[in-house]
C-alpha atoms as a PDB file:
ATOM      1  CA  MET A   1      14.453  10.188 -34.941  1.00  0.00           C
ATOM      2  CA  SER A   2      15.949   9.524 -32.245  1.00  0.00           C
ATOM      3  CA  LEU A   3      14.462   9.774 -28.877  1.00  0.00           C
ATOM      4  CA  PRO A   4      15.645  10.148 -25.069  1.00  0.00           C
ATOM      5  CA  ASN A   5      16.116   6.819 -24.154  1.00  0.00           C
ATOM      6  CA  ALA A   6      19.590   5.152 -25.686  1.00  0.00           C
ATOM      7  CA  SER A   7      19.170   1.538 -26.821  1.00  0.00           C
ATOM      8  CA  ILE A   8      21.775  -1.335 -26.108  1.00  0.00           C
ATOM      9  CA  LYS A   9      22.831  -4.586 -27.872  1.00  0.00           C
ATOM     10  CA  VAL A  10      21.254  -7.382 -25.207  1.00  0.00           C
ATOM     11  CA  THR A  11      23.319 -10.615 -25.095  1.00  0.00           C
ATOM     12  CA  HIS A  12      22.292 -11.572 -21.805  1.00  0.00           C
ATOM     13  CA  PHE A  13      20.034 -10.503 -19.170  1.00  0.00           C
ATOM     14  CA  ILE A  14      20.603 -10.291 -15.291  1.00  0.00           C
ATOM     15  CA  ILE A  15      18.271 -11.701 -13.090  1.00  0.00           C
ATOM     16  CA  GLY A  16      17.848  -9.141 -10.064  1.00  0.00           C
ATOM     17  CA  GLY A  17      14.285 -10.572  -8.564  1.00  0.00           C
ATOM     18  CA  PHE A  18      16.336 -12.527  -5.606  1.00  0.00           C
ATOM     19  CA  ASP A  19      18.684  -9.542  -4.504  1.00  0.00           C
ATOM     20  CA  THR A  20      16.461  -8.467  -1.369  1.00  0.00           C
ATOM     21  CA  VAL A  21      16.262 -12.138  -0.290  1.00  0.00           C
ATOM     22  CA  ASN A  22      18.197 -12.264   3.102  1.00  0.00           C
ATOM     23  CA  ARG A  23      18.793 -16.338   2.969  1.00  0.00           C
ATOM     24  CA  PRO A  24      19.309 -17.742  -0.628  1.00  0.00           C
ATOM     25  CA  ILE A  25      20.672 -20.913   0.296  1.00  0.00           C
ATOM     26  CA  ALA A  26      17.939 -21.842   2.464  1.00  0.00           C
ATOM     27  CA  VAL A  27      15.288 -20.479   0.099  1.00  0.00           C
ATOM     28  CA  GLY A  28      17.272 -22.282  -3.003  1.00  0.00           C
ATOM     29  CA  VAL A  29      17.135 -25.547  -1.344  1.00  0.00           C
ATOM     30  CA  VAL A  30      13.301 -25.243  -0.308  1.00  0.00           C
ATOM     31  CA  ILE A  31      12.368 -24.614  -3.946  1.00  0.00           C
ATOM     32  CA  LEU A  32      14.927 -27.097  -4.933  1.00  0.00           C
ATOM     33  CA  ILE A  33      13.044 -30.257  -2.662  1.00  0.00           C
ATOM     34  CA  ILE A  34       9.598 -28.692  -4.020  1.00  0.00           C
ATOM     35  CA  TYR A  35      10.851 -28.937  -7.736  1.00  0.00           C
ATOM     36  CA  ILE A  36      12.148 -32.600  -7.284  1.00  0.00           C
ATOM     37  CA  LEU A  37       9.080 -33.778  -5.721  1.00  0.00           C
ATOM     38  CA  ALA A  38       6.970 -32.078  -7.737  1.00  0.00           C
ATOM     39  CA  VAL A  39       8.510 -33.468 -10.968  1.00  0.00           C
ATOM     40  CA  PHE A  40       8.813 -37.029  -9.613  1.00  0.00           C
ATOM     41  CA  ALA A  41       5.009 -37.131  -8.637  1.00  0.00           C
ATOM     42  CA  ASN A  42       3.805 -36.067 -12.109  1.00  0.00           C
ATOM     43  CA  THR A  43       6.260 -38.383 -13.680  1.00  0.00           C
ATOM     44  CA  VAL A  44       5.158 -41.405 -11.898  1.00  0.00           C
ATOM     45  CA  ASN A  45       1.431 -40.500 -13.116  1.00  0.00           C
ATOM     46  CA  ILE A  46       2.251 -40.161 -16.587  1.00  0.00           C
ATOM     47  CA  LEU A  47       4.243 -43.911 -16.045  1.00  0.00           C
ATOM     48  CA  PHE A  48       0.785 -45.146 -14.491  1.00  0.00           C
ATOM     49  CA  ILE A  49      -1.386 -44.141 -16.572  1.00  0.00           C
ATOM     50  CA  ILE A  50       0.592 -44.708 -20.088  1.00  0.00           C
ATOM     51  CA  PHE A  51       2.086 -48.548 -18.805  1.00  0.00           C
ATOM     52  CA  ASP A  52      -1.760 -49.425 -17.303  1.00  0.00           C
ATOM     53  CA  LYS A  53      -3.878 -50.386 -19.764  1.00  0.00           C
ATOM     54  CA  ARG A  54      -7.131 -50.055 -17.616  1.00  0.00           C
ATOM     55  CA  LEU A  55      -6.204 -45.752 -17.218  1.00  0.00           C
ATOM     56  CA  HIS A  56      -6.627 -46.000 -20.530  1.00  0.00           C
ATOM     57  CA  LYS A  57      -9.364 -43.634 -20.474  1.00  0.00           C
ATOM     58  CA  PRO A  58     -10.634 -40.083 -21.163  1.00  0.00           C
ATOM     59  CA  MET A  59     -10.268 -38.864 -17.694  1.00  0.00           C
ATOM     60  CA  TYR A  60      -7.013 -40.222 -17.173  1.00  0.00           C
ATOM     61  CA  LEU A  61      -5.548 -38.790 -20.705  1.00  0.00           C
ATOM     62  CA  LEU A  62      -6.855 -35.574 -19.781  1.00  0.00           C
ATOM     63  CA  VAL A  63      -4.938 -36.537 -15.793  1.00  0.00           C
ATOM     64  CA  CYS A  64      -2.003 -37.362 -17.839  1.00  0.00           C
ATOM     65  CA  ASN A  65      -1.757 -34.165 -19.757  1.00  0.00           C
ATOM     66  CA  LEU A  66      -2.179 -32.597 -16.895  1.00  0.00           C
ATOM     67  CA  ALA A  67       0.502 -33.786 -15.597  1.00  0.00           C
ATOM     68  CA  VAL A  68       2.924 -32.988 -18.480  1.00  0.00           C
ATOM     69  CA  VAL A  69       1.985 -29.938 -18.599  1.00  0.00           C
ATOM     70  CA  ASP A  70       2.756 -29.477 -14.663  1.00  0.00           C
ATOM     71  CA  ILE A  71       5.965 -30.614 -15.717  1.00  0.00           C
ATOM     72  CA  ILE A  72       6.833 -28.202 -18.222  1.00  0.00           C
ATOM     73  CA  TYR A  73       5.304 -25.725 -16.177  1.00  0.00           C
ATOM     74  CA  THR A  74       7.576 -25.738 -13.510  1.00  0.00           C
ATOM     75  CA  SER A  75      10.664 -27.026 -15.343  1.00  0.00           C
ATOM     76  CA  SER A  76      10.352 -23.460 -17.727  1.00  0.00           C
ATOM     77  CA  ALA A  77      11.582 -21.182 -14.813  1.00  0.00           C
ATOM     78  CA  THR A  78      12.209 -23.386 -11.427  1.00  0.00           C
ATOM     79  CA  PRO A  79      15.753 -24.641 -12.734  1.00  0.00           C
ATOM     80  CA  THR A  80      16.825 -20.587 -13.603  1.00  0.00           C
ATOM     81  CA  MET A  81      15.670 -19.693  -9.757  1.00  0.00           C
ATOM     82  CA  ILE A  82      17.745 -23.023  -8.364  1.00  0.00           C
ATOM     83  CA  GLY A  83      20.907 -22.030 -10.290  1.00  0.00           C
ATOM     84  CA  VAL A  84      20.577 -17.942  -9.079  1.00  0.00           C
ATOM     85  CA  LEU A  85      19.919 -19.113  -5.244  1.00  0.00           C
ATOM     86  CA  LEU A  86      22.653 -22.046  -5.132  1.00  0.00           C
ATOM     87  CA  ALA A  87      24.878 -21.318  -7.856  1.00  0.00           C
ATOM     88  CA  ASP A  88      24.921 -17.760  -7.956  1.00  0.00           C
ATOM     89  CA  VAL A  89      24.587 -17.742 -11.761  1.00  0.00           C
ATOM     90  CA  ASN A  90      22.530 -14.808 -12.011  1.00  0.00           C
ATOM     91  CA  THR A  91      22.717 -14.546 -16.291  1.00  0.00           C
ATOM     92  CA  ILE A  92      21.034 -15.805 -18.977  1.00  0.00           C
ATOM     93  CA  SER A  93      21.605 -15.474 -22.538  1.00  0.00           C
ATOM     94  CA  TYR A  94      19.256 -13.311 -24.776  1.00  0.00           C
ATOM     95  CA  VAL A  95      17.770 -16.729 -26.435  1.00  0.00           C
ATOM     96  CA  GLU A  96      17.760 -18.771 -23.919  1.00  0.00           C
ATOM     97  CA  CYS A  97      15.855 -16.242 -22.341  1.00  0.00           C
ATOM     98  CA  LEU A  98      12.599 -15.994 -24.950  1.00  0.00           C
ATOM     99  CA  ILE A  99      12.769 -19.431 -25.064  1.00  0.00           C
ATOM    100  CA  GLN A 100      12.352 -19.817 -21.398  1.00  0.00           C
ATOM    101  CA  MET A 101       9.786 -16.605 -21.984  1.00  0.00           C
ATOM    102  CA  CYS A 102       7.927 -18.887 -24.844  1.00  0.00           C
ATOM    103  CA  VAL A 103       7.733 -22.248 -22.966  1.00  0.00           C
ATOM    104  CA  PHE A 104       6.798 -20.501 -19.413  1.00  0.00           C
ATOM    105  CA  HIS A 105       3.872 -18.442 -21.089  1.00  0.00           C
ATOM    106  CA  LEU A 106       2.662 -21.832 -23.443  1.00  0.00           C
ATOM    107  CA  ALA A 107       2.878 -24.133 -19.753  1.00  0.00           C
ATOM    108  CA  MET A 108       0.349 -21.068 -18.475  1.00  0.00           C
ATOM    109  CA  VAL A 109      -1.886 -21.542 -21.014  1.00  0.00           C
ATOM    110  CA  MET A 110      -2.454 -25.033 -21.144  1.00  0.00           C
ATOM    111  CA  GLU A 111      -2.613 -25.383 -17.210  1.00  0.00           C
ATOM    112  CA  ARG A 112      -5.613 -23.160 -17.848  1.00  0.00           C
ATOM    113  CA  PHE A 113      -6.751 -24.872 -20.790  1.00  0.00           C
ATOM    114  CA  ALA A 114      -6.349 -28.611 -18.972  1.00  0.00           C
ATOM    115  CA  LEU A 115      -8.103 -27.491 -16.037  1.00  0.00           C
ATOM    116  CA  ALA A 116     -11.207 -26.246 -17.967  1.00  0.00           C
ATOM    117  CA  ILE A 117     -11.225 -28.885 -20.605  1.00  0.00           C
ATOM    118  CA  MET A 118     -10.988 -31.697 -17.161  1.00  0.00           C
ATOM    119  CA  ALA A 119     -13.913 -29.770 -16.064  1.00  0.00           C
ATOM    120  CA  PHE A 120     -15.896 -30.143 -19.063  1.00  0.00           C
ATOM    121  CA  ASP A 121     -15.514 -33.764 -18.884  1.00  0.00           C
ATOM    122  CA  ARG A 122     -16.523 -34.060 -15.065  1.00  0.00           C
ATOM    123  CA  LEU A 123     -19.793 -31.717 -16.211  1.00  0.00           C
ATOM    124  CA  ILE A 124     -20.559 -34.365 -18.851  1.00  0.00           C
ATOM    125  CA  ALA A 125     -20.287 -37.080 -16.679  1.00  0.00           C
ATOM    126  CA  ILE A 126     -22.281 -35.644 -14.402  1.00  0.00           C
ATOM    127  CA  ILE A 127     -25.213 -34.475 -16.899  1.00  0.00           C
ATOM    128  CA  PHE A 128     -25.011 -37.255 -19.229  1.00  0.00           C
ATOM    129  CA  PRO A 129     -23.598 -40.187 -16.965  1.00  0.00           C
ATOM    130  CA  PHE A 130     -25.320 -42.400 -19.289  1.00  0.00           C
ATOM    131  CA  HIS A 131     -24.308 -41.515 -22.322  1.00  0.00           C
ATOM    132  CA  TYR A 132     -20.354 -40.021 -20.742  1.00  0.00           C
ATOM    133  CA  HIS A 133     -18.250 -43.045 -23.004  1.00  0.00           C
ATOM    134  CA  SER A 134     -20.252 -42.267 -25.967  1.00  0.00           C
ATOM    135  CA  TYR A 135     -19.805 -38.382 -26.110  1.00  0.00           C
ATOM    136  CA  LEU A 136     -16.751 -38.452 -24.893  1.00  0.00           C
ATOM    137  CA  THR A 137     -14.522 -40.957 -26.508  1.00  0.00           C
ATOM    138  CA  ASN A 138     -10.205 -41.494 -26.194  1.00  0.00           C
ATOM    139  CA  THR A 139      -9.944 -40.160 -29.194  1.00  0.00           C
ATOM    140  CA  ARG A 140     -12.299 -37.302 -29.236  1.00  0.00           C
ATOM    141  CA  THR A 141     -10.171 -36.456 -26.067  1.00  0.00           C
ATOM    142  CA  VAL A 142      -6.607 -36.766 -28.064  1.00  0.00           C
ATOM    143  CA  PHE A 143      -7.882 -34.848 -30.912  1.00  0.00           C
ATOM    144  CA  LEU A 144      -9.180 -31.858 -28.647  1.00  0.00           C
ATOM    145  CA  THR A 145      -6.260 -31.923 -26.383  1.00  0.00           C
ATOM    146  CA  TYR A 146      -4.007 -31.900 -29.568  1.00  0.00           C
ATOM    147  CA  ILE A 147      -6.529 -28.511 -30.780  1.00  0.00           C
ATOM    148  CA  LEU A 148      -5.842 -26.926 -27.560  1.00  0.00           C
ATOM    149  CA  TRP A 149      -1.726 -27.447 -28.174  1.00  0.00           C
ATOM    150  CA  ILE A 150      -1.879 -26.168 -31.312  1.00  0.00           C
ATOM    151  CA  ILE A 151      -4.024 -22.716 -29.934  1.00  0.00           C
ATOM    152  CA  GLY A 152      -1.453 -22.804 -26.923  1.00  0.00           C
ATOM    153  CA  CYS A 153       1.263 -22.627 -29.493  1.00  0.00           C
ATOM    154  CA  GLY A 154      -0.459 -19.522 -31.716  1.00  0.00           C
ATOM    155  CA  THR A 155      -0.765 -17.838 -28.936  1.00  0.00           C
ATOM    156  CA  VAL A 156       2.528 -17.734 -27.473  1.00  0.00           C
ATOM    157  CA  VAL A 157       4.297 -16.921 -30.662  1.00  0.00           C
ATOM    158  CA  LEU A 158       2.662 -13.394 -30.448  1.00  0.00           C
ATOM    159  CA  PHE A 159       4.877 -12.795 -27.145  1.00  0.00           C
ATOM    160  CA  PRO A 160       8.673 -12.790 -29.050  1.00  0.00           C
ATOM    161  CA  ALA A 161       7.192 -11.315 -31.586  1.00  0.00           C
ATOM    162  CA  THR A 162       5.890  -7.959 -29.402  1.00  0.00           C
ATOM    163  CA  VAL A 163       9.562  -8.077 -27.759  1.00  0.00           C
ATOM    164  CA  ILE A 164      12.099  -9.065 -30.422  1.00  0.00           C
ATOM    165  CA  PRO A 165      11.666  -5.650 -32.439  1.00  0.00           C
ATOM    166  CA  LEU A 166      11.965  -3.442 -29.707  1.00  0.00           C
ATOM    167  CA  PRO A 167      14.843  -1.968 -28.139  1.00  0.00           C
ATOM    168  CA  HIS A 168      16.566  -2.505 -24.590  1.00  0.00           C
ATOM    169  CA  CYS A 169      17.466   0.141 -22.133  1.00  0.00           C
ATOM    170  CA  THR A 170      18.928  -2.096 -19.015  1.00  0.00           C
ATOM    171  CA  LEU A 171      20.120  -5.625 -18.522  1.00  0.00           C
ATOM    172  CA  ARG A 172      18.596  -6.076 -15.515  1.00  0.00           C
ATOM    173  CA  LEU A 173      15.329  -8.179 -15.101  1.00  0.00           C
ATOM    174  CA  LYS A 174      13.528  -6.620 -12.030  1.00  0.00           C
ATOM    175  CA  TYR A 175      11.698 -10.508 -11.636  1.00  0.00           C
ATOM    176  CA  ASN A 176      13.364 -14.287 -10.681  1.00  0.00           C
ATOM    177  CA  PHE A 177      13.261 -15.266 -14.503  1.00  0.00           C
ATOM    178  CA  CYS A 178      12.242 -14.257 -18.305  1.00  0.00           C
ATOM    179  CA  ASP A 179       8.528 -13.485 -17.761  1.00  0.00           C
ATOM    180  CA  TYR A 180       7.081 -11.348 -20.439  1.00  0.00           C
ATOM    181  CA  ALA A 181       6.455  -8.717 -18.443  1.00  0.00           C
ATOM    182  CA  ALA A 182      10.282  -8.794 -17.050  1.00  0.00           C
ATOM    183  CA  VAL A 183      11.542  -8.959 -20.476  1.00  0.00           C
ATOM    184  CA  MET A 184       9.194  -5.696 -21.755  1.00  0.00           C
ATOM    185  CA  ARG A 185      10.280  -3.549 -18.308  1.00  0.00           C
ATOM    186  CA  THR A 186      13.778  -3.860 -20.182  1.00  0.00           C
ATOM    187  CA  THR A 187      12.465  -2.126 -22.998  1.00  0.00           C
ATOM    188  CA  CYS A 188      12.975   1.680 -23.596  1.00  0.00           C
ATOM    189  CA  LYS A 189      11.018   4.061 -26.255  1.00  0.00           C
ATOM    190  CA  MET A 190       8.376   2.190 -26.012  1.00  0.00           C
ATOM    191  CA  SER A 191       6.360   3.758 -22.438  1.00  0.00           C
ATOM    192  CA  SER A 192       6.423   7.290 -23.554  1.00  0.00           C
ATOM    193  CA  THR A 193       5.783   6.704 -27.508  1.00  0.00           C
ATOM    194  CA  LEU A 194       2.813   4.254 -26.551  1.00  0.00           C
ATOM    195  CA  VAL A 195       1.412   7.088 -24.110  1.00  0.00           C
ATOM    196  CA  SER A 196       2.087   9.959 -26.682  1.00  0.00           C
ATOM    197  CA  HIS A 197       0.330   8.010 -29.366  1.00  0.00           C
ATOM    198  CA  ALA A 198      -2.473   7.174 -27.328  1.00  0.00           C
ATOM    199  CA  ILE A 199      -3.110  10.786 -26.217  1.00  0.00           C
ATOM    200  CA  CYS A 200      -3.262  12.108 -29.868  1.00  0.00           C
ATOM    201  CA  VAL A 201      -5.701   8.648 -30.498  1.00  0.00           C
ATOM    202  CA  THR A 202      -7.910   9.492 -27.659  1.00  0.00           C
ATOM    203  CA  CYS A 203      -7.777  12.901 -28.169  1.00  0.00           C
ATOM    204  CA  PHE A 204      -9.192  12.422 -32.143  1.00  0.00           C
ATOM    205  CA  TYR A 205     -11.587   9.327 -31.345  1.00  0.00           C
ATOM    206  CA  SER A 206     -13.356  10.881 -28.143  1.00  0.00           C
ATOM    207  CA  PRO A 207     -15.821  13.356 -29.674  1.00  0.00           C
ATOM    208  CA  ILE A 208     -16.659  10.784 -32.354  1.00  0.00           C
ATOM    209  CA  PHE A 209     -17.161   8.009 -29.745  1.00  0.00           C
ATOM    210  CA  ILE A 210     -19.246  10.984 -27.752  1.00  0.00           C
ATOM    211  CA  ILE A 211     -21.462  11.605 -30.895  1.00  0.00           C
ATOM    212  CA  VAL A 212     -21.749   8.173 -32.700  1.00  0.00           C
ATOM    213  CA  ILE A 213     -21.605   5.332 -30.177  1.00  0.00           C
ATOM    214  CA  LEU A 214     -23.289   7.001 -27.129  1.00  0.00           C
ATOM    215  CA  THR A 215     -25.985   9.003 -28.874  1.00  0.00           C
ATOM    216  CA  ARG A 216     -27.024   5.364 -29.498  1.00  0.00           C
ATOM    217  CA  PHE A 217     -27.566   4.793 -25.976  1.00  0.00           C
ATOM    218  CA  GLY A 218     -29.974   7.454 -25.344  1.00  0.00           C
ATOM    219  CA  VAL A 219     -27.124   9.977 -24.357  1.00  0.00           C
ATOM    220  CA  VAL A 220     -28.757  13.529 -26.035  1.00  0.00           C
ATOM    221  CA  LEU A 221     -26.513  16.154 -27.465  1.00  0.00           C
ATOM    222  CA  SER A 222     -27.637  19.746 -28.010  1.00  0.00           C
ATOM    223  CA  LEU A 223     -26.868  21.475 -31.893  1.00  0.00           C
ATOM    224  CA  ASP A 224     -24.718  23.354 -29.174  1.00  0.00           C
ATOM    225  CA  GLU A 225     -22.638  20.232 -27.555  1.00  0.00           C
ATOM    226  CA  ARG A 226     -22.474  18.454 -30.918  1.00  0.00           C
ATOM    227  CA  GLN A 227     -20.918  21.591 -32.800  1.00  0.00           C
ATOM    228  CA  GLY A 228     -18.423  21.739 -30.076  1.00  0.00           C
ATOM    229  CA  LEU A 229     -17.076  18.557 -29.975  1.00  0.00           C
ATOM    230  CA  LEU A 230     -16.548  18.029 -33.524  1.00  0.00           C
ATOM    231  CA  ILE A 231     -14.664  21.305 -33.043  1.00  0.00           C
ATOM    232  CA  GLY A 232     -12.332  20.001 -30.311  1.00  0.00           C
ATOM    233  CA  ASN A 233     -12.308  16.909 -32.834  1.00  0.00           C
ATOM    234  CA  ILE A 234     -10.377  19.391 -36.120  1.00  0.00           C
ATOM    235  CA  LEU A 235      -8.634  21.405 -33.199  1.00  0.00           C
ATOM    236  CA  GLY A 236      -7.628  19.003 -30.104  1.00  0.00           C
ATOM    237  CA  PRO A 237      -5.433  16.789 -32.651  1.00  0.00           C
ATOM    238  CA  SER A 238      -3.473  19.506 -34.575  1.00  0.00           C
ATOM    239  CA  LEU A 239      -3.013  21.081 -31.289  1.00  0.00           C
ATOM    240  CA  VAL A 240      -1.303  18.042 -29.271  1.00  0.00           C
ATOM    241  CA  ASN A 241       0.420  16.239 -31.797  1.00  0.00           C
ATOM    242  CA  PRO A 242       3.300  18.731 -32.022  1.00  0.00           C
ATOM    243  CA  PHE A 243       3.985  18.671 -28.974  1.00  0.00           C
ATOM    244  CA  VAL A 244       3.391  14.622 -28.386  1.00  0.00           C
ATOM    245  CA  TYR A 245       5.540  14.108 -31.389  1.00  0.00           C
ATOM    246  CA  CYS A 246       7.394  16.856 -32.500  1.00  0.00           C
ATOM    247  CA  LEU A 247       8.524  18.281 -28.928  1.00  0.00           C
ATOM    248  CA  ARG A 248       9.587  15.358 -27.548  1.00  0.00           C
ATOM    249  CA  THR A 249      12.623  14.199 -30.167  1.00  0.00           C
ATOM    250  CA  THR A 250      15.469  15.210 -29.295  1.00  0.00           C
ATOM    251  CA  GLU A 251      17.039  16.849 -32.614  1.00  0.00           C
ATOM    252  CA  ILE A 252      14.153  19.460 -32.058  1.00  0.00           C
ATOM    253  CA  LYS A 253      14.346  20.423 -28.750  1.00  0.00           C
ATOM    254  CA  ASN A 254      17.994  20.920 -29.054  1.00  0.00           C
ATOM    255  CA  LYS A 255      17.234  23.568 -31.869  1.00  0.00           C
ATOM    256  CA  ILE A 256      14.450  24.551 -29.778  1.00  0.00           C
ATOM    257  CA  VAL A 257      16.767  25.191 -26.979  1.00  0.00           C
ATOM    258  CA  LYS A 258      19.499  26.508 -29.211  1.00  0.00           C
ATOM    259  CA  ILE A 259      17.192  29.235 -30.119  1.00  0.00           C
ATOM    260  CA  PHE A 260      16.432  30.018 -27.007  1.00  0.00           C
ATOM    261  CA  LYS A 261      19.816  30.819 -26.432  1.00  0.00           C
ATOM    262  CA  GLN A 262      20.588  32.577 -29.106  1.00  0.00           C
ATOM    263  CA  ILE A 263      17.777  35.396 -28.188  1.00  0.00           C
ATOM    264  CA  LEU A 264      18.601  35.582 -24.433  1.00  0.00           C
ATOM    265  CA  ARG A 265      22.127  36.333 -25.167  1.00  0.00           C
ATOM    266  CA  PHE A 266      20.670  38.833 -28.356  1.00  0.00           C
ATOM    267  CA  LEU A 267      18.325  40.299 -25.030  1.00  0.00           C
END
């Protein structure tokens, strides 16, 4: 079954997020300076914590983990933006784009996890100040950090799994790097197909939802209203399905147009 949008074979993407920037060199220099400072500061923190045994405590281990996440987070997308602005390298290969997307979202997820576990650490220190060191040891902190990294990696696997099977209709990214939303915007056949299917599913399940779910929360329906919803549940999808699934396909649409032309010629 063919659909209106034709897919293309994608080997690379064109980054178009900076097309409207008036002074790309100036913006690129500012981003480069901030990036260097961020990486340097986080690297210094990591080295201090690693080589100073007095800092081998749960709080500082969490700070070290946050510094690692910050370096990965800022390094996942910033070099690409710097390359576009300063070197005018506005293309990225398909594989590199997927890798950047995964690393960026992994770091974004881990950033939230890292901040959450640091808040949890301070909460324990405030509520149980005398038992803090027995509740949150170095071993437990490292183990919890490993668990969060595993969860984060498992979550990020979903992104390429949902992108790779989809066809693409354009090579241009409207973002500054390979974000998941940016890559999804290059896909075709997706929005129309999903919207069409959502319409059919809504027509089928809405009456059932009203009858089964809402009535349990105090919504009172008369016998006529129940019968009307059941009739809608029977007739609605049957009426919508041909228009959504059949008439949207190119073959059937061309066939109908051809028949109408023949009728008009005959008349």
